[in-house]
Amino acid sequence: MDTRTIQTLIEQGLPGAEVLVEGADGVHFEARVVSAAFAGKLPLARHRMVYATLGELMGGAIHALSLRTLTPEEAARAG
């Protein structure tokens, strides 16, 4: 598994999202996902939305995925 594939899957599943995925070992990844679709949702719901874009890859080809999920407004405040 590679970062570009994960990024593409998340972007396809959450249209308009700004996605950055890192992970050099091919099984452990970190993703920062900024999406207006996260507005009004708790962190667990946001994470489930991202996991849904990856389907069966989670727990298989993707052993671990650390997520930072933000709305565009939260991302602007975070700098």
C-alpha atoms as a PDB file:
ATOM      1  CA  MET A   1       0.000   0.000   0.000  1.00  0.00           C
ATOM      2  CA  ASP A   2       1.220   3.508  -0.715  1.00  0.00           C
ATOM      3  CA  THR A   3       0.290   6.997   0.426  1.00  0.00           C
ATOM      4  CA  ARG A   4      -0.920   8.120  -3.011  1.00  0.00           C
ATOM      5  CA  THR A   5      -3.462   5.286  -3.261  1.00  0.00           C
ATOM      6  CA  ILE A   6      -4.832   6.053   0.201  1.00  0.00           C
ATOM      7  CA  GLN A   7      -5.023   9.763  -0.601  1.00  0.00           C
ATOM      8  CA  THR A   8      -6.883   9.071  -3.854  1.00  0.00           C
ATOM      9  CA  LEU A   9      -9.404   6.754  -2.174  1.00  0.00           C
ATOM     10  CA  ILE A  10     -10.165   9.299   0.543  1.00  0.00           C
ATOM     11  CA  GLU A  11     -10.494  12.111  -2.012  1.00  0.00           C
ATOM     12  CA  GLN A  12     -12.885  10.000  -4.104  1.00  0.00           C
ATOM     13  CA  GLY A  13     -14.975   9.097  -1.063  1.00  0.00           C
ATOM     14  CA  LEU A  14     -15.049  12.642   0.320  1.00  0.00           C
ATOM     15  CA  PRO A  15     -15.269  14.919  -2.737  1.00  0.00           C
ATOM     16  CA  GLY A  16     -13.692  18.308  -2.161  1.00  0.00           C
ATOM     17  CA  ALA A  17     -11.600  17.117   0.781  1.00  0.00           C
ATOM     18  CA  GLU A  18      -8.025  18.284   1.215  1.00  0.00           C
ATOM     19  CA  VAL A  19      -6.008  15.161   2.033  1.00  0.00           C
ATOM     20  CA  LEU A  20      -2.390  14.664   3.062  1.00  0.00           C
ATOM     21  CA  VAL A  21      -1.183  11.107   3.769  1.00  0.00           C
ATOM     22  CA  GLU A  22       2.236  10.166   5.120  1.00  0.00           C
ATOM     23  CA  GLY A  23       3.800   6.821   5.973  1.00  0.00           C
ATOM     24  CA  ALA A  24       7.131   5.411   4.869  1.00  0.00           C
ATOM     25  CA  ASP A  25       6.802   1.767   5.922  1.00  0.00           C
ATOM     26  CA  GLY A  26       3.816   0.811   3.739  1.00  0.00           C
ATOM     27  CA  VAL A  27       1.554  -0.346   6.610  1.00  0.00           C
ATOM     28  CA  HIS A  28       1.403   2.519   9.154  1.00  0.00           C
ATOM     29  CA  PHE A  29       0.010   5.811   7.894  1.00  0.00           C
ATOM     30  CA  GLU A  30      -0.997   9.263   9.118  1.00  0.00           C
ATOM     31  CA  ALA A  31      -3.619  11.340   7.338  1.00  0.00           C
ATOM     32  CA  ARG A  32      -4.811  14.913   7.686  1.00  0.00           C
ATOM     33  CA  VAL A  33      -8.237  15.285   6.123  1.00  0.00           C
ATOM     34  CA  VAL A  34      -9.975  18.645   5.811  1.00  0.00           C
ATOM     35  CA  SER A  35     -13.598  18.464   4.674  1.00  0.00           C
ATOM     36  CA  ALA A  36     -16.714  20.610   4.982  1.00  0.00           C
ATOM     37  CA  ALA A  37     -18.616  17.302   5.387  1.00  0.00           C
ATOM     38  CA  PHE A  38     -17.181  17.055   8.924  1.00  0.00           C
ATOM     39  CA  ALA A  39     -19.113  20.112  10.141  1.00  0.00           C
ATOM     40  CA  GLY A  40     -21.233  19.307  13.186  1.00  0.00           C
ATOM     41  CA  LYS A  41     -19.830  15.798  13.541  1.00  0.00           C
ATOM     42  CA  LEU A  42     -17.934  14.363  16.510  1.00  0.00           C
ATOM     43  CA  PRO A  43     -14.407  13.001  15.932  1.00  0.00           C
ATOM     44  CA  LEU A  44     -15.548   9.357  15.945  1.00  0.00           C
ATOM     45  CA  ALA A  45     -18.119  10.048  13.224  1.00  0.00           C
ATOM     46  CA  ARG A  46     -15.486  11.888  11.176  1.00  0.00           C
ATOM     47  CA  HIS A  47     -13.079   8.959  11.478  1.00  0.00           C
ATOM     48  CA  ARG A  48     -15.796   6.517  10.434  1.00  0.00           C
ATOM     49  CA  MET A  49     -16.430   8.630   7.336  1.00  0.00           C
ATOM     50  CA  VAL A  50     -12.760   8.359   6.377  1.00  0.00           C
ATOM     51  CA  TYR A  51     -12.559   4.640   7.182  1.00  0.00           C
ATOM     52  CA  ALA A  52     -15.608   4.061   4.960  1.00  0.00           C
ATOM     53  CA  THR A  53     -13.670   5.459   1.987  1.00  0.00           C
ATOM     54  CA  LEU A  54     -11.009   2.774   2.499  1.00  0.00           C
ATOM     55  CA  GLY A  55     -13.316  -0.199   3.037  1.00  0.00           C
ATOM     56  CA  GLU A  56     -11.638  -3.584   3.460  1.00  0.00           C
ATOM     57  CA  LEU A  57      -8.143  -2.109   3.195  1.00  0.00           C
ATOM     58  CA  MET A  58      -8.451  -1.051   6.843  1.00  0.00           C
ATOM     59  CA  GLY A  59      -7.026  -3.771   9.026  1.00  0.00           C
ATOM     60  CA  GLY A  60      -5.647  -5.502   5.940  1.00  0.00           C
ATOM     61  CA  ALA A  61      -3.272  -3.686   3.610  1.00  0.00           C
ATOM     62  CA  ILE A  62      -3.499  -0.668   5.925  1.00  0.00           C
ATOM     63  CA  HIS A  63      -2.450  -1.936   9.331  1.00  0.00           C
ATOM     64  CA  ALA A  64      -2.789   1.425  11.117  1.00  0.00           C
ATOM     65  CA  LEU A  65      -4.088   4.850  10.133  1.00  0.00           C
ATOM     66  CA  SER A  66      -3.763   7.826  12.455  1.00  0.00           C
ATOM     67  CA  LEU A  67      -6.276  10.527  11.529  1.00  0.00           C
ATOM     68  CA  ARG A  68      -6.549  14.247  12.035  1.00  0.00           C
ATOM     69  CA  THR A  69      -9.952  15.341  10.734  1.00  0.00           C
ATOM     70  CA  LEU A  70     -10.833  19.016  10.457  1.00  0.00           C
ATOM     71  CA  THR A  71     -13.434  21.282   8.898  1.00  0.00           C
ATOM     72  CA  PRO A  72     -12.016  24.052   6.681  1.00  0.00           C
ATOM     73  CA  GLU A  73     -12.687  26.544   9.494  1.00  0.00           C
ATOM     74  CA  GLU A  74     -10.814  24.412  12.041  1.00  0.00           C
ATOM     75  CA  ALA A  75      -7.912  24.007   9.615  1.00  0.00           C
ATOM     76  CA  ALA A  76      -7.737  27.782   9.096  1.00  0.00           C
ATOM     77  CA  ARG A  77      -7.572  28.352  12.851  1.00  0.00           C
ATOM     78  CA  ALA A  78      -4.906  25.642  13.264  1.00  0.00           C
ATOM     79  CA  GLY A  79      -2.724  27.391  10.720  1.00  0.00           C
END
